[in-house]
Amino acid sequence: MKMIDLIKEYGECYRRRNHPSSMYFSKKSLMRMRREGVSKQYVIEAESKPNLRFLIDEVTGTLITVVHVDKNKQRVH
């Protein structure tokens, strides 16, 4: 399973009008991954990248880009 599949299945989504959706792994989504039996390797990898945001086009579900956000400013501009 690839990270993009994991983020689509388990990630939290942040939406802003007229912007692509921003998806990320929250503590809640990591707990859900563990509970549902996702491979420990994938959970550890997702956990080690808390500042990654996946920008996804909501209409097509296509990955636009992956950005690393400043941990003091958890918003994607």
Protein backbone atom coordinates (compact mmCIF):
# COMPACT_ATOMS: atom_id res chain seq x y z
CA MET A 1 0.00 0.00 0.00
CA LYS A 2 1.32 3.44 -0.90
CA MET A 3 1.22 6.58 1.23
CA ILE A 4 -1.29 8.22 -1.12
CA ASP A 5 -3.65 5.26 -0.63
CA LEU A 6 -3.24 5.51 3.14
CA ILE A 7 -3.90 9.26 3.19
CA LYS A 8 -7.05 8.85 1.09
CA GLU A 9 -8.32 6.05 3.34
CA TYR A 10 -7.29 7.27 6.80
CA GLY A 11 -6.20 10.91 6.54
CA GLU A 12 -7.94 13.92 8.00
CA CYS A 13 -9.14 16.46 5.45
CA TYR A 14 -8.98 20.23 5.73
CA ARG A 15 -11.06 22.17 3.20
CA ARG A 16 -10.98 25.82 2.19
CA ARG A 17 -13.22 27.32 -0.42
CA ASN A 18 -11.57 27.69 -3.85
CA HIS A 19 -8.49 25.71 -2.74
CA PRO A 20 -7.58 22.05 -3.08
CA SER A 21 -8.21 19.80 -0.08
CA SER A 22 -5.31 19.37 2.31
CA MET A 23 -5.00 15.89 3.83
CA TYR A 24 -2.75 14.84 6.67
CA PHE A 25 -2.23 12.12 9.28
CA SER A 26 -3.62 13.17 12.65
CA LYS A 27 -3.23 11.32 15.94
CA LYS A 28 -6.80 10.13 15.50
CA SER A 29 -6.12 8.74 12.02
CA LEU A 30 -2.93 6.99 13.20
CA MET A 31 -4.89 5.32 16.02
CA ARG A 32 -7.51 4.20 13.49
CA MET A 33 -4.79 2.74 11.26
CA ARG A 34 -3.42 0.73 14.19
CA ARG A 35 -6.89 -0.43 15.23
CA GLU A 36 -7.75 -1.60 11.71
CA GLY A 37 -4.56 -3.60 11.35
CA VAL A 38 -2.52 -1.50 8.90
CA SER A 39 1.06 -2.75 8.73
CA LYS A 40 3.20 -1.38 11.56
CA GLN A 41 5.79 -0.25 9.01
CA TYR A 42 3.26 2.06 7.31
CA VAL A 43 1.99 3.47 10.60
CA ILE A 44 5.54 4.27 11.72
CA GLU A 45 6.32 5.90 8.38
CA ALA A 46 3.17 8.06 8.54
CA GLU A 47 3.90 8.94 12.17
CA SER A 48 7.43 10.07 11.32
CA LYS A 49 6.13 12.71 8.88
CA PRO A 50 3.68 14.85 10.89
CA ASN A 51 4.26 18.00 8.84
CA LEU A 52 3.37 16.55 5.43
CA ARG A 53 0.25 17.76 3.69
CA PHE A 54 -1.14 16.08 0.60
CA LEU A 55 -3.01 18.50 -1.69
CA ILE A 56 -5.74 16.63 -3.52
CA ASP A 57 -8.23 17.76 -6.14
CA GLU A 58 -11.64 16.93 -4.64
CA VAL A 59 -13.36 16.51 -7.98
CA THR A 60 -11.00 13.95 -9.49
CA GLY A 61 -9.27 12.65 -6.34
CA THR A 62 -5.92 13.29 -8.00
CA LEU A 63 -2.83 14.10 -5.96
CA ILE A 64 -1.65 17.59 -6.87
CA THR A 65 1.45 17.80 -4.70
CA VAL A 66 2.92 17.00 -1.31
CA VAL A 67 4.12 19.91 0.82
CA HIS A 68 6.09 20.13 4.03
CA VAL A 69 4.55 22.79 6.27
CA ASP A 70 6.28 24.89 8.89
CA LYS A 71 5.46 23.25 12.20
CA ASN A 72 4.73 26.65 13.79
CA LYS A 73 2.24 27.49 11.03
CA GLN A 74 0.20 24.39 10.33
CA ARG A 75 -1.56 26.02 7.35
CA VAL A 76 -0.83 25.49 3.70
CA HIS A 77 -0.91 28.78 1.81
